[in-house]
C-alpha atoms as a PDB file:
ATOM      1  CA  TYR A   1      -6.713 -32.217 -31.175  1.00  0.00           C
ATOM      2  CA  PHE A   2      -5.671 -30.212 -28.143  1.00  0.00           C
ATOM      3  CA  PHE A   3      -8.142 -27.613 -26.926  1.00  0.00           C
ATOM      4  CA  TYR A   4      -7.806 -24.763 -24.449  1.00  0.00           C
ATOM      5  CA  ASP A   5      -9.734 -21.589 -23.670  1.00  0.00           C
ATOM      6  CA  THR A   6     -13.221 -21.419 -25.286  1.00  0.00           C
ATOM      7  CA  LEU A   7     -12.891 -24.671 -27.226  1.00  0.00           C
ATOM      8  CA  ALA A   8     -12.032 -26.613 -24.059  1.00  0.00           C
ATOM      9  CA  ASP A   9     -15.766 -26.698 -23.271  1.00  0.00           C
ATOM     10  CA  SER A  10     -17.522 -29.869 -24.454  1.00  0.00           C
ATOM     11  CA  GLY A  11     -20.782 -27.923 -24.827  1.00  0.00           C
ATOM     12  CA  LYS A  12     -19.115 -25.436 -27.175  1.00  0.00           C
ATOM     13  CA  LEU A  13     -17.582 -28.273 -29.193  1.00  0.00           C
ATOM     14  CA  ALA A  14     -20.967 -30.014 -29.390  1.00  0.00           C
ATOM     15  CA  GLU A  15     -22.476 -26.821 -30.864  1.00  0.00           C
ATOM     16  CA  LEU A  16     -19.579 -26.543 -33.288  1.00  0.00           C
ATOM     17  CA  PHE A  17     -19.752 -30.181 -34.418  1.00  0.00           C
ATOM     18  CA  ASP A  18     -23.550 -30.459 -34.526  1.00  0.00           C
ATOM     19  CA  PRO A  19     -25.472 -27.191 -34.150  1.00  0.00           C
ATOM     20  CA  GLN A  20     -28.778 -29.028 -33.560  1.00  0.00           C
ATOM     21  CA  GLU A  21     -30.112 -28.570 -30.057  1.00  0.00           C
ATOM     22  CA  GLY A  22     -29.354 -31.499 -27.787  1.00  0.00           C
ATOM     23  CA  ALA A  23     -26.269 -32.641 -29.681  1.00  0.00           C
ATOM     24  CA  GLU A  24     -24.171 -35.214 -27.848  1.00  0.00           C
ATOM     25  CA  ARG A  25     -21.218 -33.651 -26.054  1.00  0.00           C
ATOM     26  CA  PRO A  26     -17.773 -34.899 -27.052  1.00  0.00           C
ATOM     27  CA  ILE A  27     -15.831 -36.615 -24.290  1.00  0.00           C
ATOM     28  CA  LEU A  28     -12.693 -34.605 -23.587  1.00  0.00           C
ATOM     29  CA  ARG A  29      -9.625 -35.986 -21.807  1.00  0.00           C
ATOM     30  CA  ALA A  30      -7.416 -33.867 -19.571  1.00  0.00           C
ATOM     31  CA  ALA A  31      -4.097 -33.345 -21.335  1.00  0.00           C
ATOM     32  CA  THR A  32      -0.970 -31.212 -21.581  1.00  0.00           C
ATOM     33  CA  ILE A  33       1.407 -30.089 -24.294  1.00  0.00           C
ATOM     34  CA  THR A  34       5.028 -29.197 -23.582  1.00  0.00           C
ATOM     35  CA  ASP A  35       7.283 -26.365 -24.696  1.00  0.00           C
ATOM     36  CA  GLY A  36       4.443 -23.865 -24.885  1.00  0.00           C
ATOM     37  CA  ALA A  37       2.657 -21.183 -22.890  1.00  0.00           C
ATOM     38  CA  LEU A  38      -0.662 -19.371 -23.287  1.00  0.00           C
ATOM     39  CA  ARG A  39      -0.286 -15.780 -24.418  1.00  0.00           C
ATOM     40  CA  THR A  40      -2.926 -13.160 -25.198  1.00  0.00           C
ATOM     41  CA  ARG A  41      -3.090 -12.003 -28.830  1.00  0.00           C
ATOM     42  CA  HIS A  42      -4.671  -8.757 -29.976  1.00  0.00           C
ATOM     43  CA  ASN A  43      -5.617  -8.044 -26.326  1.00  0.00           C
ATOM     44  CA  LYS A  44      -8.396 -10.586 -26.742  1.00  0.00           C
ATOM     45  CA  TYR A  45      -7.543 -14.161 -27.766  1.00  0.00           C
ATOM     46  CA  LYS A  46      -5.388 -16.724 -26.035  1.00  0.00           C
ATOM     47  CA  ALA A  47      -2.866 -18.585 -28.169  1.00  0.00           C
ATOM     48  CA  VAL A  48      -0.150 -21.129 -27.504  1.00  0.00           C
ATOM     49  CA  ALA A  49       3.312 -19.664 -28.071  1.00  0.00           C
ATOM     50  CA  ASP A  50       6.617 -21.528 -28.190  1.00  0.00           C
ATOM     51  CA  GLU A  51       8.113 -21.494 -24.715  1.00  0.00           C
ATOM     52  CA  PRO A  52      10.740 -24.199 -24.065  1.00  0.00           C
ATOM     53  CA  GLY A  53      10.396 -25.938 -20.729  1.00  0.00           C
ATOM     54  CA  LEU A  54       6.822 -24.821 -19.998  1.00  0.00           C
ATOM     55  CA  CYS A  55       3.574 -26.710 -20.523  1.00  0.00           C
ATOM     56  CA  VAL A  56      -0.037 -25.845 -21.286  1.00  0.00           C
ATOM     57  CA  GLU A  57      -2.923 -27.653 -19.616  1.00  0.00           C
ATOM     58  CA  GLY A  58      -6.042 -28.290 -21.626  1.00  0.00           C
ATOM     59  CA  TRP A  59      -8.184 -31.029 -23.106  1.00  0.00           C
ATOM     60  CA  ALA A  60      -7.752 -33.546 -25.906  1.00  0.00           C
ATOM     61  CA  TYR A  61     -10.312 -34.975 -28.292  1.00  0.00           C
ATOM     62  CA  ARG A  62      -9.757 -37.379 -31.162  1.00  0.00           C
ATOM     63  CA  VAL A  63     -11.386 -35.843 -34.230  1.00  0.00           C
ATOM     64  CA  LEU A  64     -12.406 -38.779 -36.418  1.00  0.00           C
ATOM     65  CA  SER A  65     -13.809 -37.157 -39.554  1.00  0.00           C
ATOM     66  CA  THR A  66     -12.849 -34.484 -42.048  1.00  0.00           C
ATOM     67  CA  GLU A  67     -16.198 -32.773 -41.378  1.00  0.00           C
ATOM     68  CA  LEU A  68     -15.411 -32.315 -37.685  1.00  0.00           C
ATOM     69  CA  GLU A  69     -11.872 -31.227 -38.519  1.00  0.00           C
ATOM     70  CA  ALA A  70     -13.270 -28.599 -40.908  1.00  0.00           C
ATOM     71  CA  ALA A  71     -15.612 -27.332 -38.170  1.00  0.00           C
ATOM     72  CA  VAL A  72     -12.625 -26.802 -35.862  1.00  0.00           C
ATOM     73  CA  CYS A  73     -10.602 -25.078 -38.594  1.00  0.00           C
ATOM     74  CA  VAL A  74     -13.277 -22.509 -39.458  1.00  0.00           C
ATOM     75  CA  TYR A  75     -14.047 -21.563 -35.844  1.00  0.00           C
ATOM     76  CA  GLU A  76     -12.517 -18.138 -35.139  1.00  0.00           C
ATOM     77  CA  THR A  77     -10.233 -18.583 -38.154  1.00  0.00           C
ATOM     78  CA  GLU A  78      -8.045 -15.568 -37.384  1.00  0.00           C
ATOM     79  CA  SER A  79      -7.331 -16.916 -33.925  1.00  0.00           C
ATOM     80  CA  HIS A  80      -6.730 -20.611 -34.461  1.00  0.00           C
ATOM     81  CA  GLU A  81      -4.061 -22.449 -36.364  1.00  0.00           C
ATOM     82  CA  VAL A  82      -3.557 -26.199 -36.591  1.00  0.00           C
ATOM     83  CA  VAL A  83      -0.011 -27.217 -35.690  1.00  0.00           C
ATOM     84  CA  ARG A  84       1.490 -30.562 -34.792  1.00  0.00           C
ATOM     85  CA  CYS A  85       2.441 -31.169 -31.185  1.00  0.00           C
ATOM     86  CA  ILE A  86       2.825 -34.022 -28.733  1.00  0.00           C
ATOM     87  CA  ILE A  87      -0.237 -34.337 -26.515  1.00  0.00           C
ATOM     88  CA  ARG A  88       0.164 -36.142 -23.201  1.00  0.00           C
ATOM     89  CA  MET A  89      -2.979 -37.495 -21.572  1.00  0.00           C
ATOM     90  CA  LYS A  90      -3.253 -37.011 -17.827  1.00  0.00           C
ATOM     91  CA  ASP A  91      -5.145 -40.265 -17.272  1.00  0.00           C
END
């Protein structure tokens, strides 16, 4: 998964994946996606919009279970949508 904005924080993802205090933080890797740009939706949320030739910087994390995937999908449901894209790691 490619994360940006509020979900690009490993502490926030740790709370989302395991709300118990002291949950282990996921290890995020610096990454980019191409042909997109961050745009503000509803004067509040950032979203990736199609934009040929541009790239978005963010963080990648390999979600290994359906439970963690479900946690991502229900977070701010009106604002997030799962779409396929090519993620390029910076390391």
